[in-house]
Amino acid sequence: MRMTLFRIATGVAAVYHLVLGGALLLFPEEALGGVAGLFLGMELVIDAQMAMIGKFAASYLLAFGVMMGLLCLRPVRLRALVMPALLLFGVRLANKLVFMAEIEEIFGVARGRSLFALVSIALLFGVIAWTRPMEGDAQLNRP
């Protein structure tokens, strides 16, 4: 049960980051505002500079998505990747907490959407931390 929860959490994180990163990388500049609205609830003004920043951010999203996907597929063998994943989720959680009001004001994000993001990140952090693979879980390392 613990490993199943871990795989669900890392799989959800992988799909989210791969889809968002792929959309930011592949969609034309005109569509990036819609992507930001759909995934992040933001009202972005997309100019050439913002589009390029989105493309740069996409590479990090894709890399994190691949890492989470690998953790989902081989959790015990790749358990050393759990701490970097938790560190990133922790930084994102702190970032959301500290800057939530500014993000809502600047990007037009609704309070409910901000709280949903906050709870989602906290839930992924908690589930991954609680269910992370341990040394004795070697027999569970199967697809």
Protein backbone atom coordinates (compact mmCIF):
# COMPACT_ATOMS: atom_id res chain seq x y z
CA MET A 1 0.00 0.00 0.00
CA ARG A 2 2.81 2.42 0.90
CA MET A 3 4.60 1.86 -2.41
CA THR A 4 1.34 2.20 -4.34
CA LEU A 5 0.70 5.61 -2.75
CA PHE A 6 4.27 6.64 -3.52
CA ARG A 7 3.86 5.62 -7.15
CA ILE A 8 0.54 7.45 -7.45
CA ALA A 9 2.01 10.66 -6.00
CA THR A 10 5.17 10.56 -8.12
CA GLY A 11 3.18 9.54 -11.20
CA VAL A 12 0.75 12.45 -10.80
CA ALA A 13 3.68 14.84 -10.30
CA ALA A 14 5.44 13.40 -13.36
CA VAL A 15 2.42 13.75 -15.65
CA TYR A 16 1.67 17.30 -14.47
CA HIS A 17 5.24 18.51 -14.98
CA LEU A 18 5.72 16.73 -18.32
CA VAL A 19 2.44 18.03 -19.76
CA LEU A 20 2.98 21.60 -18.54
CA GLY A 21 6.63 21.63 -19.63
CA GLY A 22 5.77 20.13 -23.02
CA ALA A 23 2.97 22.64 -23.58
CA LEU A 24 5.21 25.59 -22.69
CA LEU A 25 7.96 24.31 -24.95
CA LEU A 26 5.89 23.30 -27.97
CA PHE A 27 2.92 25.65 -28.10
CA PRO A 28 3.18 28.92 -30.01
CA GLU A 29 3.63 32.20 -28.15
CA GLU A 30 -0.06 33.09 -28.59
CA ALA A 31 -1.16 29.97 -26.71
CA LEU A 32 1.08 30.37 -23.65
CA GLY A 33 -1.39 32.64 -21.85
CA GLY A 34 -4.04 29.94 -22.16
CA VAL A 35 -1.64 27.30 -20.86
CA ALA A 36 -0.78 29.48 -17.84
CA GLY A 37 -4.48 30.08 -17.22
CA LEU A 38 -5.40 26.42 -17.47
CA PHE A 39 -2.57 25.01 -15.35
CA LEU A 40 -1.80 27.86 -12.96
CA GLY A 41 -4.91 30.05 -12.94
CA MET A 42 -2.81 33.04 -14.02
CA GLU A 43 -3.72 35.89 -16.31
CA LEU A 44 -0.42 36.45 -18.09
CA VAL A 45 0.48 39.09 -20.63
CA ILE A 46 2.63 37.18 -23.06
CA ASP A 47 5.29 39.13 -24.92
CA ALA A 48 8.45 37.80 -26.58
CA GLN A 49 10.42 38.02 -23.32
CA MET A 50 7.78 36.20 -21.26
CA ALA A 51 7.49 33.54 -23.98
CA MET A 52 11.25 32.94 -23.83
CA ILE A 53 11.20 32.71 -20.03
CA GLY A 54 8.39 30.17 -20.40
CA LYS A 55 10.56 28.11 -22.74
CA PHE A 56 13.44 28.18 -20.24
CA ALA A 57 11.08 27.17 -17.39
CA ALA A 58 9.79 24.34 -19.59
CA SER A 59 13.20 22.64 -19.57
CA TYR A 60 13.15 22.51 -15.75
CA LEU A 61 9.57 21.27 -15.71
CA LEU A 62 10.44 18.52 -18.18
CA ALA A 63 13.56 17.50 -16.25
CA PHE A 64 11.61 17.32 -12.98
CA GLY A 65 8.82 15.41 -14.72
CA VAL A 66 11.30 12.84 -16.03
CA MET A 67 12.84 12.50 -12.56
CA MET A 68 9.42 11.97 -10.98
CA GLY A 69 8.50 9.47 -13.69
CA LEU A 70 11.68 7.50 -13.03
CA LEU A 71 10.90 7.53 -9.31
CA CYS A 72 7.43 6.21 -10.10
CA LEU A 73 8.82 3.37 -12.22
CA ARG A 74 11.84 2.40 -10.08
CA PRO A 75 11.26 3.82 -6.61
CA VAL A 76 13.68 1.64 -4.65
CA ARG A 77 16.53 1.63 -7.12
CA LEU A 78 16.31 5.43 -7.56
CA ARG A 79 15.40 6.34 -3.97
CA ALA A 80 18.33 8.78 -3.85
CA LEU A 81 16.18 11.07 -6.02
CA VAL A 82 13.51 11.36 -3.31
CA MET A 83 15.37 13.99 -1.27
CA PRO A 84 15.93 16.35 -4.24
CA ALA A 85 12.23 15.95 -5.11
CA LEU A 86 11.19 16.74 -1.53
CA LEU A 87 13.55 19.71 -1.46
CA LEU A 88 11.97 21.14 -4.60
CA PHE A 89 8.43 20.56 -3.30
CA GLY A 90 9.46 22.15 0.01
CA VAL A 91 10.88 25.23 -1.71
CA ARG A 92 7.76 25.53 -3.86
CA LEU A 93 5.56 25.21 -0.77
CA ALA A 94 7.53 27.93 1.05
CA ASN A 95 7.41 30.09 -2.08
CA LYS A 96 3.62 29.73 -2.28
CA LEU A 97 3.21 30.57 1.40
CA VAL A 98 5.46 33.62 1.33
CA PHE A 99 4.35 35.08 -2.00
CA MET A 100 0.73 33.93 -2.26
CA ALA A 101 -0.78 37.42 -1.87
CA GLU A 102 1.61 38.94 -4.42
CA ILE A 103 1.00 36.13 -6.90
CA GLU A 104 -2.77 36.59 -6.54
CA GLU A 105 -2.52 40.34 -7.06
CA ILE A 106 0.04 40.48 -9.86
CA PHE A 107 -1.21 37.51 -11.88
CA GLY A 108 -4.92 37.67 -11.05
CA VAL A 109 -5.02 34.26 -9.40
CA ALA A 110 -8.17 33.58 -7.36
CA ARG A 111 -7.70 32.81 -3.66
CA GLY A 112 -9.35 29.40 -4.08
CA ARG A 113 -6.93 28.51 -6.87
CA SER A 114 -3.98 29.59 -4.70
CA LEU A 115 -5.22 27.47 -1.81
CA PHE A 116 -5.77 24.50 -4.13
CA ALA A 117 -2.16 24.80 -5.35
CA LEU A 118 -0.90 25.13 -1.79
CA VAL A 119 -2.80 22.05 -0.61
CA SER A 120 -1.76 20.07 -3.71
CA ILE A 121 1.93 20.79 -3.20
CA ALA A 122 1.68 20.07 0.54
CA LEU A 123 -0.16 16.81 -0.14
CA LEU A 124 2.42 15.64 -2.70
CA PHE A 125 5.23 16.60 -0.32
CA GLY A 126 3.60 14.76 2.59
CA VAL A 127 2.69 11.60 0.68
CA ILE A 128 6.13 11.32 -0.95
CA ALA A 129 7.89 11.93 2.40
CA TRP A 130 5.67 9.48 4.30
CA THR A 131 5.79 6.69 1.70
CA ARG A 132 9.36 7.11 0.42
CA PRO A 133 11.20 3.86 -0.32
CA MET A 134 13.52 2.54 2.33
CA GLU A 135 16.59 0.30 2.16
CA GLY A 136 14.62 -2.87 2.98
CA ASP A 137 12.09 -2.30 0.21
CA ALA A 138 14.25 -3.95 -2.47
CA GLN A 139 11.70 -6.73 -3.06
CA LEU A 140 9.15 -4.05 -4.05
CA ASN A 141 11.27 -2.68 -6.92
CA ARG A 142 9.17 -3.95 -9.78
CA PRO A 143 7.10 -2.09 -12.38
